[in-house]
Protein backbone atom coordinates (compact mmCIF):
# COMPACT_ATOMS: atom_id res chain seq x y z
CA MET A 1 36.63 8.60 -16.28
CA LYS A 2 33.28 7.10 -15.16
CA GLN A 3 32.23 6.74 -18.80
CA LEU A 4 35.52 5.01 -19.62
CA ILE A 5 35.07 2.56 -16.72
CA LEU A 6 31.49 1.83 -17.78
CA ALA A 7 32.64 1.24 -21.36
CA CYS A 8 35.23 -1.26 -20.10
CA ILE A 9 32.57 -3.06 -18.07
CA ILE A 10 30.33 -3.29 -21.13
CA LEU A 11 33.23 -4.56 -23.25
CA LEU A 12 34.16 -7.23 -20.69
CA THR A 13 30.68 -8.40 -19.82
CA GLY A 14 28.87 -7.83 -23.08
CA SER A 15 26.10 -6.04 -21.16
CA SER A 16 24.95 -2.42 -21.20
CA ALA A 17 22.91 -2.86 -18.01
CA LEU A 18 23.61 -0.24 -15.38
CA PRO A 19 24.22 -1.23 -11.76
CA PRO A 20 20.98 -1.49 -9.75
CA SER A 21 19.91 1.65 -7.94
CA LYS A 22 19.47 1.81 -4.18
CA PRO A 23 16.15 0.51 -2.84
CA ILE A 24 13.20 2.83 -2.55
CA SER A 25 13.70 5.04 0.50
CA LEU A 26 12.12 7.90 2.39
CA HIS A 27 12.83 11.15 0.61
CA PRO A 28 15.67 12.96 2.43
CA GLU A 29 13.97 16.36 2.07
CA ASN A 30 10.51 15.18 3.11
CA PRO A 31 10.18 11.71 4.67
CA HIS A 32 6.40 11.72 4.21
CA TYR A 33 7.15 10.68 0.62
CA PHE A 34 9.49 8.30 -1.20
CA LEU A 35 12.62 8.57 -3.30
CA PHE A 36 12.64 5.89 -6.02
CA ARG A 37 15.20 5.70 -8.80
CA GLY A 38 16.22 9.27 -8.23
CA LYS A 39 12.71 10.75 -8.32
CA PRO A 40 10.29 11.99 -5.64
CA THR A 41 7.55 9.34 -5.54
CA ILE A 42 4.04 8.74 -4.25
CA LEU A 43 2.79 5.15 -4.49
CA ILE A 44 -0.74 4.82 -5.87
CA THR A 45 -2.46 1.68 -7.12
CA SER A 46 -5.52 -0.51 -7.38
CA GLY A 47 -4.15 -4.03 -7.14
CA GLU A 48 -5.16 -7.68 -6.92
CA HIS A 49 -5.85 -9.48 -3.65
CA TYR A 50 -2.24 -10.36 -2.80
CA GLY A 51 -2.10 -13.83 -4.36
CA ALA A 52 -0.08 -13.02 -7.48
CA VAL A 53 2.91 -15.15 -6.46
CA LEU A 54 1.46 -17.92 -4.27
CA ASN A 55 -1.35 -18.73 -6.74
CA LEU A 56 0.22 -20.68 -9.61
CA ASP A 57 -2.82 -20.08 -11.83
CA PHE A 58 -2.45 -16.30 -11.69
CA ASP A 59 -0.82 -14.77 -14.79
CA TYR A 60 1.18 -12.00 -13.18
CA ILE A 61 2.72 -10.74 -16.43
CA THR A 62 -0.71 -9.81 -17.74
CA TYR A 63 -1.51 -8.29 -14.34
CA LEU A 64 1.65 -6.16 -14.23
CA ASN A 65 1.09 -5.07 -17.81
CA ALA A 66 -2.36 -3.82 -16.81
CA LEU A 67 -0.96 -1.80 -13.89
CA GLN A 68 1.70 -0.33 -16.16
CA LYS A 69 -0.85 0.51 -18.86
CA ASP A 70 -3.03 2.21 -16.26
CA GLY A 71 -0.05 4.27 -15.06
CA LEU A 72 0.06 2.86 -11.52
CA ASN A 73 3.23 2.07 -9.57
CA TYR A 74 2.54 -0.21 -6.60
CA THR A 75 1.35 -3.69 -5.71
CA ARG A 76 1.12 -5.76 -2.55
CA ILE A 77 1.77 -9.52 -2.24
CA PHE A 78 1.57 -12.12 0.52
CA THR A 79 4.48 -14.52 0.83
CA GLY A 80 2.55 -17.76 1.31
CA SER A 81 2.80 -18.08 5.07
CA TYR A 82 -0.95 -17.37 4.98
CA VAL A 83 -3.47 -18.51 2.38
CA GLU A 84 -7.26 -18.38 2.22
CA ASP A 85 -9.89 -20.99 1.51
CA PRO A 86 -12.26 -20.51 -1.44
CA GLY A 87 -15.17 -18.31 -0.40
CA ALA A 88 -13.30 -16.54 2.40
CA PHE A 89 -14.58 -13.01 3.07
CA ASN A 90 -17.34 -13.60 0.49
CA ILE A 91 -14.91 -13.21 -2.42
CA SER A 92 -16.09 -15.43 -5.25
CA LYS A 93 -12.88 -15.41 -7.36
CA ASN A 94 -10.27 -14.82 -4.71
CA THR A 95 -6.68 -14.77 -6.04
CA LEU A 96 -5.53 -15.47 -2.47
CA ALA A 97 -7.43 -18.79 -2.48
CA PRO A 98 -5.70 -21.04 -5.04
CA ALA A 99 -7.28 -24.19 -6.40
CA ASN A 100 -6.14 -27.54 -4.97
CA ASP A 101 -2.44 -28.19 -5.63
CA ARG A 102 -2.01 -24.70 -7.17
CA TYR A 103 -0.62 -23.10 -4.02
CA VAL A 104 3.11 -22.51 -3.69
CA ALA A 105 4.83 -21.44 -0.47
CA PRO A 106 8.43 -20.85 0.66
CA TRP A 107 8.64 -24.44 1.92
CA ILE A 108 8.81 -27.54 -0.22
CA ARG A 109 6.10 -30.20 -0.18
CA SER A 110 6.96 -33.49 1.51
CA ASN A 111 6.04 -36.98 0.32
CA MET A 112 3.29 -37.23 2.94
CA PRO A 113 -0.30 -36.45 1.86
CA GLY A 114 -2.68 -34.54 4.07
CA TYR A 115 -2.37 -30.77 3.53
CA ASP A 116 -5.66 -29.07 4.41
CA ASN A 117 -6.30 -27.61 0.94
CA GLY A 118 -5.13 -30.59 -1.06
CA GLY A 119 -1.76 -32.12 -1.87
CA ASN A 120 1.10 -33.13 0.36
CA LYS A 121 2.13 -31.62 3.67
CA PHE A 122 5.01 -29.15 3.89
CA ASP A 123 8.57 -29.75 5.09
CA LEU A 124 9.59 -26.59 6.96
CA THR A 125 13.27 -27.59 6.91
CA GLN A 126 13.57 -27.28 3.13
CA TRP A 127 12.95 -24.34 0.79
CA ASP A 128 10.98 -24.65 -2.42
CA GLN A 129 13.28 -23.13 -5.01
CA SER A 130 10.45 -22.90 -7.56
CA TYR A 131 8.69 -20.53 -5.16
CA PHE A 132 11.69 -18.23 -4.91
CA THR A 133 12.17 -18.33 -8.67
CA ARG A 134 8.57 -17.21 -9.12
CA LEU A 135 8.86 -14.56 -6.38
CA LYS A 136 12.00 -13.04 -7.87
CA ASP A 137 10.64 -13.14 -11.39
CA PHE A 138 7.51 -11.31 -10.25
CA ILE A 139 9.57 -8.58 -8.58
CA THR A 140 11.91 -8.39 -11.59
CA GLU A 141 8.98 -7.92 -13.97
CA ALA A 142 7.40 -5.36 -11.64
CA GLY A 143 10.69 -3.45 -11.53
CA LYS A 144 10.88 -3.35 -15.33
CA ARG A 145 7.54 -1.56 -15.25
CA GLY A 146 8.48 0.87 -12.48
CA ILE A 147 6.21 -0.90 -9.97
CA VAL A 148 7.16 -1.13 -6.28
CA VAL A 149 6.22 -4.36 -4.48
CA GLU A 150 5.22 -4.51 -0.84
CA VAL A 151 6.18 -7.98 0.38
CA THR A 152 3.86 -8.71 3.30
CA LEU A 153 5.62 -11.41 5.28
CA PHE A 154 2.77 -12.58 7.53
CA SER A 155 -0.94 -12.05 7.97
CA SER A 156 -3.39 -12.42 10.81
CA LEU A 157 -5.08 -15.80 10.75
CA TYR A 158 -8.68 -14.67 11.38
CA GLY A 159 -9.65 -17.52 13.68
CA TRP A 160 -13.33 -17.06 12.94
CA SER A 161 -12.68 -17.85 9.25
CA GLU A 162 -10.30 -20.71 10.10
CA GLY A 163 -7.29 -19.08 8.43
CA TRP A 164 -4.95 -20.98 10.75
CA LYS A 165 -6.10 -24.38 9.51
CA SER A 166 -4.62 -23.73 6.04
CA SER A 167 -1.24 -22.37 7.13
CA PRO A 168 1.84 -24.50 6.42
CA LEU A 169 2.93 -23.67 9.98
CA ASN A 170 -0.05 -25.49 11.45
CA PRO A 171 1.15 -28.87 12.79
CA LYS A 172 -1.55 -30.63 10.77
CA ASN A 173 -0.03 -29.26 7.55
CA ASN A 174 3.66 -30.06 7.99
CA ILE A 175 5.85 -33.03 8.90
CA ASN A 176 7.97 -31.11 11.43
CA ARG A 177 5.86 -31.40 14.56
CA THR A 178 5.33 -27.71 15.07
CA ASP A 179 3.67 -26.88 18.37
CA THR A 180 -0.10 -26.98 18.64
CA MET A 181 -1.70 -23.71 19.75
CA VAL A 182 -4.66 -21.40 19.33
CA PHE A 183 -4.44 -19.08 16.35
CA TYR A 184 -3.92 -15.89 18.35
CA LYS A 185 -0.63 -17.14 19.79
CA VAL A 186 0.92 -17.94 16.40
CA GLN A 187 2.29 -14.44 15.90
CA THR A 188 3.48 -13.71 19.41
CA LEU A 189 6.75 -14.53 21.15
CA GLY A 190 4.90 -17.22 23.09
CA ASN A 191 4.50 -19.42 20.02
CA GLY A 192 6.89 -22.23 20.90
CA ASN A 193 8.97 -23.67 18.06
CA LEU A 194 7.09 -21.67 15.42
CA LEU A 195 9.26 -18.63 16.12
CA ALA A 196 12.39 -20.23 14.70
CA HIS A 197 10.58 -21.24 11.49
CA GLN A 198 9.10 -17.76 11.10
CA GLU A 199 12.44 -16.05 11.58
CA LYS A 200 14.19 -18.40 9.15
CA MET A 201 11.56 -17.60 6.52
CA VAL A 202 12.02 -13.86 7.02
CA ARG A 203 15.79 -14.09 6.76
CA LYS A 204 15.60 -16.33 3.69
CA ILE A 205 13.27 -13.94 1.84
CA VAL A 206 15.42 -10.94 2.80
CA GLN A 207 18.50 -12.67 1.41
CA GLU A 208 16.75 -13.73 -1.79
CA LEU A 209 15.48 -10.19 -2.45
CA LYS A 210 18.73 -8.48 -1.48
CA GLU A 211 19.42 -6.89 -4.87
CA PHE A 212 15.97 -5.53 -5.68
CA ASP A 213 15.39 -1.78 -5.51
CA ASN A 214 11.59 -2.00 -5.79
CA VAL A 215 10.83 -3.91 -2.56
CA ILE A 216 9.26 -2.79 0.71
CA TYR A 217 8.70 -5.24 3.56
CA GLU A 218 5.58 -5.23 5.70
CA ILE A 219 5.71 -7.37 8.83
CA GLN A 220 2.09 -8.47 9.23
CA ASN A 221 -1.23 -7.75 7.63
CA GLU A 222 -3.90 -6.61 10.11
CA PRO A 223 -2.28 -7.83 13.36
CA TRP A 224 -5.14 -6.43 15.42
CA ALA A 225 -7.50 -9.04 13.94
CA ASP A 226 -5.82 -11.79 16.00
CA ASN A 227 -4.64 -9.78 18.99
CA PRO A 228 -6.83 -6.69 19.36
CA LYS A 229 -6.66 -3.85 21.81
CA GLN A 230 -9.42 -1.27 21.43
CA VAL A 231 -7.88 2.19 21.52
CA ALA A 232 -10.55 4.56 20.17
CA THR A 233 -13.86 4.89 18.37
CA VAL A 234 -14.79 6.88 15.30
CA SER A 235 -18.14 8.15 14.12
CA LYS A 236 -20.06 6.51 11.32
CA LEU A 237 -19.68 8.08 7.90
CA ASP A 238 -23.24 7.05 7.04
CA THR A 239 -26.14 5.26 8.71
CA ALA A 240 -25.62 2.05 6.72
CA GLN A 241 -22.10 1.60 8.02
CA PRO A 242 -21.68 -1.54 10.20
CA GLU A 243 -20.78 -1.14 13.84
CA TRP A 244 -17.35 -2.77 13.51
CA GLN A 245 -16.28 0.16 11.36
CA THR A 246 -16.50 2.51 14.34
CA LYS A 247 -14.10 0.58 16.60
CA VAL A 248 -10.40 1.34 16.31
CA GLU A 249 -8.41 -1.71 17.37
CA ALA A 250 -4.62 -1.71 17.51
CA ALA A 251 -2.37 -4.72 18.01
CA SER A 252 -1.88 -5.95 21.56
CA ASP A 253 1.42 -5.64 23.41
CA SER A 254 2.20 -9.32 22.73
CA SER A 255 1.67 -8.77 19.01
CA LEU A 256 3.80 -5.62 18.99
CA ALA A 257 6.65 -7.46 20.72
CA TRP A 258 6.60 -10.17 18.03
CA GLN A 259 6.49 -7.57 15.24
CA LYS A 260 9.42 -5.73 16.79
CA TYR A 261 11.35 -9.01 16.89
CA MET A 262 10.71 -9.62 13.17
CA ALA A 263 11.62 -6.04 12.21
CA ALA A 264 14.88 -6.47 14.11
CA ALA A 265 15.52 -9.74 12.25
CA ILE A 266 15.16 -7.93 8.91
CA LYS A 267 17.54 -5.20 10.03
CA ASP A 268 20.04 -7.73 11.33
CA GLU A 269 19.95 -9.76 8.12
CA GLU A 270 20.53 -6.59 6.09
CA LYS A 271 23.20 -5.07 8.33
CA ASN A 272 25.99 -5.87 5.86
CA PHE A 273 23.99 -5.00 2.74
CA SER A 274 25.13 -1.96 0.80
CA ALA A 275 21.61 -0.54 1.20
CA GLN A 276 18.65 -1.57 3.36
CA HIS A 277 14.97 -1.86 2.50
CA LEU A 278 12.14 0.05 4.11
CA ILE A 279 9.93 -1.74 6.63
CA ALA A 280 6.21 -1.00 6.98
CA GLN A 281 3.98 -1.71 9.94
CA ASN A 282 0.24 -2.16 9.56
CA VAL A 283 -1.10 -0.49 12.71
CA THR A 284 -4.91 -0.31 12.62
CA ASN A 285 -8.05 0.56 10.70
CA PHE A 286 -9.47 4.07 10.24
CA ALA A 287 -7.39 6.58 12.25
CA TYR A 288 -5.38 6.56 15.45
CA LYS A 289 -2.62 8.67 16.94
CA LEU A 290 0.27 6.34 17.69
CA PRO A 291 1.87 6.87 21.10
CA SER A 292 5.23 5.65 19.78
CA THR A 293 6.84 3.73 16.90
CA ASP A 294 9.57 1.18 16.47
CA PRO A 295 12.63 3.04 15.08
CA ASN A 296 13.07 0.25 12.51
CA ILE A 297 9.71 1.17 10.96
CA SER A 298 9.61 3.75 8.17
CA ILE A 299 6.04 3.37 6.85
CA ILE A 300 2.89 3.49 8.97
CA ASN A 301 0.08 1.67 7.16
CA PHE A 302 -3.62 2.00 7.90
CA HIS A 303 -6.52 0.08 6.37
CA TYR A 304 -9.85 1.71 5.47
CA ALA A 305 -8.12 4.90 6.51
CA ARG A 306 -9.47 8.35 7.11
CA PRO A 307 -7.48 11.51 6.43
CA GLU A 308 -7.07 12.01 10.18
CA ALA A 309 -4.67 9.06 10.17
CA VAL A 310 -2.23 11.41 8.44
CA SER A 311 -2.80 14.50 10.56
CA TYR A 312 -2.63 12.53 13.83
CA ASN A 313 0.75 11.05 12.92
CA TYR A 314 2.37 13.63 10.65
CA ASN A 315 4.82 14.54 13.41
CA LEU A 316 6.41 11.07 13.14
CA ASN A 317 8.08 12.13 9.87
CA LYS A 318 7.41 8.81 8.18
CA VAL A 319 5.27 7.84 5.21
CA ILE A 320 1.63 7.36 6.23
CA GLY A 321 -0.07 4.81 3.98
CA PHE A 322 -3.65 3.86 3.14
CA ASP A 323 -2.68 0.28 2.38
CA GLU A 324 -6.07 -1.34 1.78
CA SER A 325 -9.53 -0.10 0.90
CA GLY A 326 -12.75 -2.01 0.42
CA PHE A 327 -15.85 -3.16 2.35
CA ALA A 328 -17.73 -0.08 1.17
CA GLY A 329 -19.59 -1.32 -1.90
CA ASN A 330 -18.35 -1.33 -5.49
CA ALA A 331 -18.89 2.29 -6.59
CA ASP A 332 -15.76 3.85 -8.10
CA SER A 333 -16.66 7.21 -6.60
CA THR A 334 -16.37 5.87 -3.03
CA TYR A 335 -12.77 4.78 -3.42
CA ARG A 336 -11.80 7.70 -5.65
CA ARG A 337 -12.83 10.10 -2.91
CA GLN A 338 -10.99 8.05 -0.30
CA ALA A 339 -7.82 8.27 -2.35
CA TRP A 340 -8.02 12.01 -3.01
CA ARG A 341 -8.82 12.83 0.62
CA PHE A 342 -5.96 10.76 1.97
CA ILE A 343 -3.27 11.85 -0.47
CA MET A 344 -4.30 15.50 -0.29
CA ALA A 345 -4.17 15.26 3.52
CA GLY A 346 -0.46 14.43 3.21
CA GLY A 347 -0.47 10.64 2.77
CA GLY A 348 2.25 9.04 0.67
CA LEU A 349 0.67 5.71 -0.36
CA PHE A 350 -2.76 4.49 -1.48
CA ASN A 351 -3.77 0.92 -2.40
CA ASN A 352 -7.26 -0.02 -3.44
CA LEU A 353 -8.19 -3.69 -3.20
CA ASP A 354 -9.22 -4.34 -6.80
CA TYR A 355 -11.50 -7.31 -7.37
CA SER A 356 -11.54 -6.94 -11.15
CA PHE A 357 -8.24 -8.88 -11.21
CA THR A 358 -8.95 -12.61 -11.16
CA VAL A 359 -7.31 -15.83 -12.34
CA GLN A 360 -9.83 -15.85 -15.19
CA LYS A 361 -9.10 -12.23 -16.16
CA PRO A 362 -5.76 -11.05 -14.77
CA ASP A 363 -6.00 -7.95 -16.98
CA GLY A 364 -8.45 -6.41 -14.49
CA THR A 365 -11.64 -6.56 -16.52
CA ASP A 366 -13.59 -9.15 -14.50
CA LYS A 367 -16.57 -8.75 -12.20
CA GLN A 368 -17.19 -10.85 -9.11
CA GLU A 369 -19.00 -10.99 -5.82
CA ALA A 370 -16.72 -9.21 -3.36
CA PRO A 371 -16.79 -6.66 -0.53
CA GLY A 372 -15.19 -3.94 -2.63
CA GLY A 373 -14.79 -2.60 -6.14
CA GLY A 374 -12.17 -2.08 -8.82
CA SER A 375 -12.26 -1.54 -12.57
CA VAL A 376 -10.37 -0.11 -15.52
CA ALA A 377 -12.35 3.10 -15.11
CA PHE A 378 -11.38 3.38 -11.46
CA ARG A 379 -7.71 2.83 -12.21
CA LYS A 380 -7.96 5.72 -14.67
CA ASN A 381 -9.33 7.80 -11.78
CA LEU A 382 -6.28 6.94 -9.71
CA TYR A 383 -3.98 7.84 -12.58
CA ILE A 384 -5.57 11.29 -12.67
CA LEU A 385 -4.69 11.70 -8.98
CA LYS A 386 -1.17 10.39 -9.50
CA LYS A 387 -0.51 12.79 -12.40
CA PHE A 388 -2.02 15.68 -10.47
CA MET A 389 0.41 15.05 -7.62
CA GLU A 390 3.37 14.53 -9.93
CA ASN A 391 2.66 17.93 -11.48
CA LEU A 392 3.25 19.49 -8.06
CA ASP A 393 6.51 20.10 -6.27
CA PHE A 394 4.98 17.90 -3.58
CA ILE A 395 8.22 17.21 -1.75
CA HIS A 396 8.14 20.85 -0.61
CA LEU A 397 4.43 20.94 0.23
CA LYS A 398 2.82 20.31 3.62
CA PRO A 399 -0.78 19.90 4.81
CA ASP A 400 -2.46 23.28 5.11
CA THR A 401 -5.67 23.90 7.08
CA MET A 402 -5.53 27.70 6.86
CA ALA A 403 -5.36 28.53 3.14
CA ALA A 404 -9.09 27.91 2.56
CA ALA A 405 -11.66 29.86 4.55
CA HIS A 406 -14.79 28.26 6.05
CA VAL A 407 -16.61 26.19 3.43
CA GLY A 408 -19.76 25.19 5.31
CA GLN A 409 -20.67 21.51 5.09
CA GLY A 410 -18.19 20.76 2.33
CA ARG A 411 -14.67 19.41 2.69
CA VAL A 412 -11.37 20.93 1.62
CA TYR A 413 -8.01 19.21 1.83
CA ALA A 414 -4.95 21.25 0.99
CA LEU A 415 -1.19 21.03 0.57
CA SER A 416 0.93 24.12 0.22
CA LYS A 417 4.22 25.93 0.26
CA PRO A 418 2.87 29.33 1.33
CA GLY A 419 3.45 32.03 -1.23
CA LYS A 420 4.66 29.54 -3.84
CA GLU A 421 2.27 26.69 -4.51
CA TYR A 422 -1.13 25.42 -3.33
CA ALA A 423 -3.14 22.28 -4.12
CA PHE A 424 -6.72 21.64 -3.02
CA TYR A 425 -9.24 18.82 -3.18
CA LEU A 426 -12.81 20.13 -2.81
CA GLU A 427 -15.81 17.96 -2.01
CA ASN A 428 -19.52 18.85 -1.89
CA LEU A 429 -19.06 22.61 -1.55
CA GLN A 430 -22.40 24.40 -1.39
CA THR A 431 -21.03 27.57 -2.94
CA SER A 432 -19.93 28.95 -6.30
CA THR A 433 -16.72 30.47 -4.96
CA LEU A 434 -13.81 29.33 -2.83
CA ASP A 435 -12.38 31.90 -0.43
CA LEU A 436 -8.63 31.63 0.06
CA GLN A 437 -6.00 33.43 2.08
CA LEU A 438 -2.96 34.05 -0.14
CA PRO A 439 -0.03 36.47 0.02
CA ALA A 440 0.46 39.04 -2.74
CA GLY A 441 1.69 37.61 -6.02
CA LYS A 442 1.02 36.70 -9.62
CA TYR A 443 -0.62 33.27 -9.78
CA THR A 444 -1.75 30.66 -12.29
CA VAL A 445 -4.99 28.84 -11.40
CA ASN A 446 -5.68 25.34 -12.79
CA TRP A 447 -8.90 23.34 -12.23
CA THR A 448 -9.13 19.55 -12.78
CA ASP A 449 -12.14 17.22 -12.62
CA PRO A 450 -10.97 14.26 -10.46
CA ALA A 451 -13.45 11.90 -12.12
CA SER A 452 -12.73 12.63 -15.78
CA GLY A 453 -9.37 14.41 -15.70
CA THR A 454 -10.84 17.28 -17.71
CA LYS A 455 -8.91 20.49 -17.16
CA GLN A 456 -10.19 24.03 -17.36
CA LYS A 457 -8.23 26.66 -19.27
CA PRO A 458 -5.60 28.09 -16.86
CA GLN A 459 -6.41 31.47 -15.36
CA GLN A 460 -3.81 34.16 -14.71
CA LEU A 461 -4.40 36.56 -11.83
CA THR A 462 -2.61 39.19 -9.80
CA HIS A 463 -3.41 39.28 -6.10
CA THR A 464 -2.62 42.09 -3.68
CA GLY A 465 -2.65 39.82 -0.63
CA GLY A 466 -5.24 38.63 1.91
CA ARG A 467 -8.61 37.17 1.03
CA LEU A 468 -9.07 35.93 -2.54
CA SER A 469 -12.36 34.59 -3.95
CA VAL A 470 -11.92 32.08 -6.78
CA SER A 471 -14.91 31.12 -8.92
CA ILE A 472 -15.64 27.40 -9.02
CA PRO A 473 -16.34 26.20 -12.59
CA GLY A 474 -19.64 24.33 -12.93
CA ASN A 475 -21.40 22.38 -10.22
CA ASN A 476 -19.41 19.17 -9.81
CA ALA A 477 -19.33 17.37 -6.46
CA GLU A 478 -15.51 17.17 -6.61
CA TYR A 479 -12.75 19.48 -7.82
CA ALA A 480 -8.98 19.55 -7.75
CA LEU A 481 -7.33 22.97 -7.76
CA HIS A 482 -3.70 23.88 -8.33
CA ILE A 483 -2.48 27.42 -7.73
CA HIS A 484 1.15 28.38 -8.16
CA VAL A 485 3.26 31.47 -8.61
CA ARG A 486 3.32 32.36 -12.28
CA ARG A 487 6.35 30.84 -13.93
């Protein structure tokens, strides 16, 4: 009967397109991962610096083709409520810093000159339909390529880099007499008449993107940068690490109240939709155990994250994301190891900030002065990780700290379903064998080089239970190991 109905629809409409699937969601069997188009999903990417839509000079078709070619499935964009000046954060070819008159935002330009970065001021009472056409086309093209888009609605304004002076919401940049205030009040509930404009923008975007299945909303990028509350410290990973990278700052109570308000606005706008979109909250850098979460939030995003961000918050039963990397040099190995550690600790999302994507070379082959890395070779590294995970029954695996015995100064991250399947990421082990604790069974052992993807010939073994010593092939600094019951 369903086939007959579908045939009638095709006959009447002249289209063979199937109805859109429900938006990406938390997986019902394991909410630490996603369900997307009927498949268990982990989101892994190395993407451009969030200006793909708001920068009219950026060729996003070429960009999305590159992500698809490299086998990656995620990208992150800013909506245009925040934009950067050229040279911000020492990025020489910043896609988030459009040239004069090449910046498009949700609001239309007025007839009055005087916008900070060139061109006319904005009229916050009227939408720019060309912006929404570009936004929806970007998400459509991403969806065709199986790429999920995180739509980051707002960003901190970084008062020390004068981010507020370029915002359309700044009274100097619009004709609507928005209230004058210091930057750190802009994204709080004490922001005067800005709140109504912010909420209208959120509701407009949510309505425009109603039908897309490949959208996730994030409320605000790095809210702690404007309204910080120090909550912890972490040790340096190396002596060259700057001091700011040891301080864990979460958003202040006033920031959290504003974010909760915006999350509620999304939920309210979607209350009559047939299916709702996931909402992410960017909580802090590094690692921090959250005392509580907004029930409207399904994804907990960290920046420059450590694996402990997952273990501290695994009990929340939400996806834990590493949503931005960088500020650690340009070596591929640095970010490759970050990705493997985090995903093998139980994370469900990894996004490297990839500075090889520029307006000049949107295919991701450029080089520029920037605080991070990115390259075709690195994206191949991430694809190796993505395929490794997709070869596992990861929905039924959980972080495991007991399967591997003491490994000295090295690191081991593991996921397992005891007695059925085990996955390990090994780093800097000073030994030729790995000692495991496994129940009796017949197992297949597979070794993969995380840097090259080279696989060793599978080994078959029969184990009587208890301690098992597995020989490590070669002397690499990194290994990925998959052990499963013989099929």
